[in-house]
Every structure is written in structure tokens, then in C-alpha cells.
Amino acid sequence: MRTIEVYDPPMCCSSGVCGPAADPKLVQFKAALKALESDGHTVRRFNPTQDQAAFAGNAQVNKAVETGGMGCLPLILVDGAIVSRGAYPELARLRELAAG
């Protein structure tokens, strides 16, 4: 199985699904990540507000943010390779990306 890493833009909490008016895209994305975990994949999610070390410790993420600005986030990595930038893919697309 694969390791999926999500480098989110800055949000108030680790998933962005908080408060009285949570963004429906973020709610769907959180559910999609749970489905990937149920499929047997390892899922890690990083928010620069809470996980600065994860951002600082990944050269690919640093370079992407340096060249593309914060607009490149979210970055989705599968087994260490960037496979998506700037959007939250739906579950079907995430499964395609995880399949290689």
C-alpha cells in the first residue's frame, strides 16, 4: 500500500473541518482520506500552522512553496512524489493517484 501525504494551506485546525460553517470540500476531502485509510493506505496530513517541522523538513514541499507560493497548497504526495497541487481531489481521483 502507498503513503499519501497532504500538505494543507494554513487552517485553523488540522483538517479545516471546524466551526459552524465548515467548507463542504474539506468535509468531503476528510472523508476521502478516511476511505483511503480503509483501503489500507497510510495517510498523513500536515498544516503549516501546527506542523511547521513537516513543511521545513521536506525539500520538495519547500521548493514548491518557494516557486509557487502558498497557492500551490494543498500538495498531495504519494510515496514522496508530488501528484497534485492547489486543489483537493475527490475520492475517485485520489484512488487513481494512489494506484499509480
C-alpha atoms as a PDB file:
ATOM      1  CA  MET A   1       0.000   0.000   0.000  1.00  0.00           C
ATOM      2  CA  ARG A   2       1.002   3.598  -0.523  1.00  0.00           C
ATOM      3  CA  THR A   3       1.738   6.527   1.758  1.00  0.00           C
ATOM      4  CA  ILE A   4      -0.312   9.618   0.987  1.00  0.00           C
ATOM      5  CA  GLU A   5       0.813  12.933   2.454  1.00  0.00           C
ATOM      6  CA  VAL A   6      -1.263  16.091   2.327  1.00  0.00           C
ATOM      7  CA  TYR A   7       0.390  19.467   2.866  1.00  0.00           C
ATOM      8  CA  ASP A   8      -2.525  21.814   3.512  1.00  0.00           C
ATOM      9  CA  PRO A   9      -2.619  25.585   3.346  1.00  0.00           C
ATOM     10  CA  PRO A  10      -2.765  27.297   6.747  1.00  0.00           C
ATOM     11  CA  MET A  11      -6.037  26.488   8.512  1.00  0.00           C
ATOM     12  CA  CYS A  12      -7.430  26.968  11.989  1.00  0.00           C
ATOM     13  CA  CYS A  13      -7.253  23.249  12.786  1.00  0.00           C
ATOM     14  CA  SER A  14      -5.597  20.137  11.404  1.00  0.00           C
ATOM     15  CA  SER A  15      -8.362  19.325   8.901  1.00  0.00           C
ATOM     16  CA  GLY A  16     -10.100  22.654   8.349  1.00  0.00           C
ATOM     17  CA  VAL A  17     -13.345  20.967   9.366  1.00  0.00           C
ATOM     18  CA  CYS A  18     -14.251  23.016  12.377  1.00  0.00           C
ATOM     19  CA  GLY A  19     -16.551  25.814  13.388  1.00  0.00           C
ATOM     20  CA  PRO A  20     -20.182  26.333  12.459  1.00  0.00           C
ATOM     21  CA  ALA A  21     -19.618  26.722   8.706  1.00  0.00           C
ATOM     22  CA  ALA A  22     -17.109  24.070   7.629  1.00  0.00           C
ATOM     23  CA  ASP A  23     -16.216  24.117   3.925  1.00  0.00           C
ATOM     24  CA  PRO A  24     -18.061  21.192   2.269  1.00  0.00           C
ATOM     25  CA  LYS A  25     -14.998  20.450   0.093  1.00  0.00           C
ATOM     26  CA  LEU A  26     -12.891  19.964   3.214  1.00  0.00           C
ATOM     27  CA  VAL A  27     -15.560  17.737   4.767  1.00  0.00           C
ATOM     28  CA  GLN A  28     -15.596  15.570   1.614  1.00  0.00           C
ATOM     29  CA  PHE A  29     -11.807  15.500   1.476  1.00  0.00           C
ATOM     30  CA  LYS A  30     -11.551  14.386   5.096  1.00  0.00           C
ATOM     31  CA  ALA A  31     -13.995  11.551   4.331  1.00  0.00           C
ATOM     32  CA  ALA A  32     -11.971  10.637   1.218  1.00  0.00           C
ATOM     33  CA  LEU A  33      -8.791  10.373   3.283  1.00  0.00           C
ATOM     34  CA  LYS A  34     -10.565   8.084   5.741  1.00  0.00           C
ATOM     35  CA  ALA A  35     -11.650   5.906   2.802  1.00  0.00           C
ATOM     36  CA  LEU A  36      -8.030   5.698   1.624  1.00  0.00           C
ATOM     37  CA  GLU A  37      -7.009   4.597   5.110  1.00  0.00           C
ATOM     38  CA  SER A  38      -9.758   1.963   4.999  1.00  0.00           C
ATOM     39  CA  ASP A  39      -8.288   0.809   1.673  1.00  0.00           C
ATOM     40  CA  GLY A  40      -5.036   0.136   3.568  1.00  0.00           C
ATOM     41  CA  HIS A  41      -3.048   3.248   2.662  1.00  0.00           C
ATOM     42  CA  THR A  42      -1.131   5.302   5.202  1.00  0.00           C
ATOM     43  CA  VAL A  43      -2.383   8.884   5.254  1.00  0.00           C
ATOM     44  CA  ARG A  44      -0.514  11.789   6.838  1.00  0.00           C
ATOM     45  CA  ARG A  45      -1.778  15.339   6.849  1.00  0.00           C
ATOM     46  CA  PHE A  46       0.210  18.459   7.669  1.00  0.00           C
ATOM     47  CA  ASN A  47      -0.926  22.008   8.354  1.00  0.00           C
ATOM     48  CA  PRO A  48       1.809  24.669   8.431  1.00  0.00           C
ATOM     49  CA  THR A  49       0.134  26.298  11.424  1.00  0.00           C
ATOM     50  CA  GLN A  50       0.590  23.174  13.557  1.00  0.00           C
ATOM     51  CA  ASP A  51       3.244  21.182  11.660  1.00  0.00           C
ATOM     52  CA  GLN A  52       5.967  23.647  10.688  1.00  0.00           C
ATOM     53  CA  ALA A  53       8.659  20.999  11.053  1.00  0.00           C
ATOM     54  CA  ALA A  54       6.969  18.734   8.482  1.00  0.00           C
ATOM     55  CA  PHE A  55       6.984  21.559   5.947  1.00  0.00           C
ATOM     56  CA  ALA A  56      10.536  22.601   6.784  1.00  0.00           C
ATOM     57  CA  GLY A  57      11.764  19.017   6.619  1.00  0.00           C
ATOM     58  CA  ASN A  58      10.510  18.257   3.109  1.00  0.00           C
ATOM     59  CA  ALA A  59      12.689  19.733   0.354  1.00  0.00           C
ATOM     60  CA  GLN A  60      10.066  19.130  -2.379  1.00  0.00           C
ATOM     61  CA  VAL A  61       7.390  20.950  -0.409  1.00  0.00           C
ATOM     62  CA  ASN A  62       9.777  23.809   0.381  1.00  0.00           C
ATOM     63  CA  LYS A  63      10.667  24.192  -3.295  1.00  0.00           C
ATOM     64  CA  ALA A  64       7.031  24.052  -4.404  1.00  0.00           C
ATOM     65  CA  VAL A  65       6.029  26.754  -1.919  1.00  0.00           C
ATOM     66  CA  GLU A  66       9.110  28.821  -2.775  1.00  0.00           C
ATOM     67  CA  THR A  67       8.381  28.751  -6.510  1.00  0.00           C
ATOM     68  CA  GLY A  68       4.578  28.639  -6.476  1.00  0.00           C
ATOM     69  CA  GLY A  69       3.737  30.462  -3.283  1.00  0.00           C
ATOM     70  CA  MET A  70       1.075  29.307  -0.876  1.00  0.00           C
ATOM     71  CA  GLY A  71      -1.300  28.951  -3.825  1.00  0.00           C
ATOM     72  CA  CYS A  72       0.329  25.616  -4.653  1.00  0.00           C
ATOM     73  CA  LEU A  73      -1.186  24.192  -1.471  1.00  0.00           C
ATOM     74  CA  PRO A  74      -2.614  21.723  -0.862  1.00  0.00           C
ATOM     75  CA  LEU A  75       0.136  19.467  -2.146  1.00  0.00           C
ATOM     76  CA  ILE A  76      -0.671  15.770  -2.354  1.00  0.00           C
ATOM     77  CA  LEU A  77       2.286  13.371  -2.321  1.00  0.00           C
ATOM     78  CA  VAL A  78       2.146   9.638  -2.967  1.00  0.00           C
ATOM     79  CA  ASP A  79       5.189   7.755  -1.757  1.00  0.00           C
ATOM     80  CA  GLY A  80       7.125  11.017  -1.649  1.00  0.00           C
ATOM     81  CA  ALA A  81       6.253  12.274  -5.155  1.00  0.00           C
ATOM     82  CA  ILE A  82       4.031  15.317  -5.702  1.00  0.00           C
ATOM     83  CA  VAL A  83       0.976  14.154  -7.655  1.00  0.00           C
ATOM     84  CA  SER A  84      -1.431  17.068  -7.147  1.00  0.00           C
ATOM     85  CA  ARG A  85      -1.184  20.758  -6.297  1.00  0.00           C
ATOM     86  CA  GLY A  86      -3.566  23.568  -5.494  1.00  0.00           C
ATOM     87  CA  ALA A  87      -6.773  21.522  -5.133  1.00  0.00           C
ATOM     88  CA  TYR A  88      -8.443  18.849  -3.047  1.00  0.00           C
ATOM     89  CA  PRO A  89      -9.120  15.883  -5.351  1.00  0.00           C
ATOM     90  CA  GLU A  90     -12.251  13.808  -4.933  1.00  0.00           C
ATOM     91  CA  LEU A  91     -12.032  10.215  -3.713  1.00  0.00           C
ATOM     92  CA  ALA A  92     -12.060   8.617  -7.177  1.00  0.00           C
ATOM     93  CA  ARG A  93      -9.126  10.776  -8.268  1.00  0.00           C
ATOM     94  CA  LEU A  94      -7.257  10.113  -5.013  1.00  0.00           C
ATOM     95  CA  ARG A  95      -7.653   6.387  -5.594  1.00  0.00           C
ATOM     96  CA  GLU A  96      -6.273   6.782  -9.125  1.00  0.00           C
ATOM     97  CA  LEU A  97      -3.299   8.725  -7.789  1.00  0.00           C
ATOM     98  CA  ALA A  98      -2.683   6.108  -5.108  1.00  0.00           C
ATOM     99  CA  ALA A  99      -2.874   3.313  -7.686  1.00  0.00           C
ATOM    100  CA  GLY A 100      -0.059   4.917  -9.637  1.00  0.00           C
END
